[in-house]
Amino acid sequence: MTTLYQNAHSPERVTVNALKYLDVIAVLLALILGLILGAPAVGLLVGCAAWLIQRVVQYADRRYTATLRAPRKQLGIHLFESFGRIWLLAIAIIVAGVAGGRKDGLTAAIVIVGAYTIAFAIRLSSGKPPERELS
């Protein structure tokens, strides 16, 4: 067995990959538990869906910008995508509030803030250096 194969399948590597998506796992658990416990369904569904959609957009952006060679183009697309995801989440909270009422809007906001907090904490505690410099 080669060292590369051993490193790719080590328990530490699996743990790091699982932690990378802890926010997604937490959102799905919040959806299930929230629906069981009777939380406002519209807010839960909209908040969870918005978080999952923005994660897919983030993943697609990271893959796309990695293929670009011009640093300015990478920076421009990355900034556009980052602000777009923020607007997506803000609009989702407003839509949940309008479609379902104040409780649904608050529920969507709590789901999104909770998921963001988990994602931010993981990013801070990962200990890895920032991604390649774009400028």
Protein backbone atom coordinates (compact mmCIF):
# COMPACT_ATOMS: atom_id res chain seq x y z
CA MET A 1 0.00 0.00 0.00
CA THR A 2 1.42 3.38 -0.95
CA THR A 3 1.73 6.31 1.41
CA LEU A 4 -0.55 8.40 -0.79
CA TYR A 5 -3.30 5.78 -0.53
CA GLN A 6 -2.81 5.50 3.23
CA ASN A 7 -2.99 9.27 3.70
CA ALA A 8 -6.10 9.61 1.53
CA HIS A 9 -7.99 7.00 3.55
CA SER A 10 -6.76 7.79 7.04
CA PRO A 11 -9.31 8.41 9.82
CA GLU A 12 -7.99 11.95 10.26
CA ARG A 13 -8.73 12.74 6.62
CA VAL A 14 -12.29 11.40 6.93
CA THR A 15 -12.84 13.51 10.06
CA VAL A 16 -11.59 16.65 8.32
CA ASN A 17 -13.91 16.01 5.36
CA ALA A 18 -16.88 15.41 7.68
CA LEU A 19 -16.15 18.63 9.60
CA LYS A 20 -16.02 20.52 6.32
CA TYR A 21 -19.73 19.81 5.86
CA LEU A 22 -20.84 20.01 9.48
CA ASP A 23 -23.03 23.04 8.70
CA VAL A 24 -24.92 21.05 6.06
CA ILE A 25 -25.41 18.16 8.48
CA ALA A 26 -26.60 20.59 11.18
CA VAL A 27 -29.10 22.21 8.78
CA LEU A 28 -30.55 18.84 7.81
CA LEU A 29 -30.80 17.80 11.48
CA ALA A 30 -32.44 21.14 12.32
CA LEU A 31 -34.98 20.57 9.56
CA ILE A 32 -35.91 17.11 10.79
CA LEU A 33 -35.99 18.03 14.48
CA GLY A 34 -37.78 21.31 13.79
CA LEU A 35 -40.54 19.63 11.85
CA ILE A 36 -40.93 16.96 14.54
CA LEU A 37 -41.06 19.57 17.31
CA GLY A 38 -43.56 21.79 15.47
CA ALA A 39 -41.43 24.76 14.43
CA PRO A 40 -42.84 26.95 11.63
CA ALA A 41 -42.53 24.73 8.56
CA VAL A 42 -42.29 27.46 5.92
CA GLY A 43 -39.42 29.16 7.74
CA LEU A 44 -37.59 25.89 8.27
CA LEU A 45 -37.94 24.80 4.65
CA VAL A 46 -36.99 28.17 3.18
CA GLY A 47 -34.04 28.67 5.55
CA CYS A 48 -32.67 25.16 4.99
CA ALA A 49 -33.18 25.32 1.24
CA ALA A 50 -31.48 28.72 1.00
CA TRP A 51 -28.49 27.51 3.01
CA LEU A 52 -28.09 24.38 0.90
CA ILE A 53 -28.44 26.34 -2.35
CA GLN A 54 -25.80 28.86 -1.30
CA ARG A 55 -23.44 26.00 -0.39
CA VAL A 56 -23.90 24.51 -3.87
CA VAL A 57 -23.21 27.93 -5.41
CA GLN A 58 -20.10 28.28 -3.22
CA TYR A 59 -18.81 24.87 -4.30
CA ALA A 60 -19.44 25.60 -7.98
CA ASP A 61 -17.72 28.99 -7.67
CA ARG A 62 -14.63 27.49 -6.03
CA ARG A 63 -14.32 24.93 -8.81
CA TYR A 64 -14.87 27.51 -11.54
CA THR A 65 -12.46 30.12 -10.18
CA ALA A 66 -9.78 27.47 -9.78
CA THR A 67 -9.81 27.00 -13.55
CA LEU A 68 -9.26 30.70 -14.25
CA ARG A 69 -5.73 32.00 -14.68
CA ALA A 70 -6.27 35.78 -14.49
CA PRO A 71 -6.14 36.88 -10.83
CA ARG A 72 -8.41 39.87 -11.42
CA LYS A 73 -11.03 37.69 -13.03
CA GLN A 74 -10.80 35.25 -10.10
CA LEU A 75 -11.22 38.08 -7.62
CA GLY A 76 -14.14 39.63 -9.50
CA ILE A 77 -16.05 36.38 -9.79
CA HIS A 78 -15.30 35.43 -6.19
CA LEU A 79 -16.55 38.81 -4.89
CA PHE A 80 -19.67 38.68 -7.05
CA GLU A 81 -20.42 35.16 -5.83
CA SER A 82 -19.81 36.02 -2.17
CA PHE A 83 -22.12 39.02 -2.21
CA GLY A 84 -24.67 37.09 -4.26
CA ARG A 85 -24.82 34.35 -1.64
CA ILE A 86 -25.37 36.94 1.10
CA TRP A 87 -28.23 38.47 -0.88
CA LEU A 88 -29.68 35.02 -1.51
CA LEU A 89 -29.84 34.35 2.22
CA ALA A 90 -31.28 37.78 3.02
CA ILE A 91 -33.97 37.42 0.36
CA ALA A 92 -34.81 33.93 1.68
CA ILE A 93 -35.47 35.38 5.15
CA ILE A 94 -37.73 38.06 3.66
CA VAL A 95 -39.59 35.51 1.52
CA ALA A 96 -40.15 33.26 4.54
CA GLY A 97 -41.48 36.22 6.53
CA VAL A 98 -43.82 37.35 3.77
CA ALA A 99 -45.01 33.87 2.79
CA GLY A 100 -45.50 32.45 6.24
CA GLY A 101 -45.50 35.35 8.69
CA ARG A 102 -43.14 36.75 11.28
CA LYS A 103 -42.50 33.43 13.01
CA ASP A 104 -41.48 31.83 9.74
CA GLY A 105 -39.13 34.70 8.91
CA LEU A 106 -37.56 34.44 12.36
CA THR A 107 -37.20 30.68 11.99
CA ALA A 108 -35.47 31.06 8.62
CA ALA A 109 -33.15 33.68 10.12
CA ILE A 110 -32.27 31.44 13.06
CA VAL A 111 -31.51 28.49 10.77
CA ILE A 112 -29.29 30.63 8.52
CA VAL A 113 -27.46 32.35 11.38
CA GLY A 114 -26.91 29.02 13.12
CA ALA A 115 -25.53 27.40 9.97
CA TYR A 116 -23.32 30.41 9.26
CA THR A 117 -21.97 30.34 12.81
CA ILE A 118 -21.03 26.68 12.48
CA ALA A 119 -19.40 27.23 9.07
CA PHE A 120 -17.48 30.25 10.37
CA ALA A 121 -16.26 28.42 13.47
CA ILE A 122 -15.05 25.50 11.36
CA ARG A 123 -13.21 27.86 9.03
CA LEU A 124 -11.52 29.59 11.96
CA SER A 125 -10.57 26.38 13.74
CA SER A 126 -9.38 24.50 10.65
CA GLY A 127 -5.91 25.94 11.07
CA LYS A 128 -5.20 25.82 7.38
CA PRO A 129 -3.68 28.87 5.71
CA PRO A 130 -5.87 31.12 3.54
CA GLU A 131 -6.48 29.99 -0.01
CA ARG A 132 -4.18 31.08 -2.81
CA GLU A 133 -3.77 34.82 -3.02
CA LEU A 134 -5.92 36.31 -5.77
CA SER A 135 -4.10 39.59 -6.45
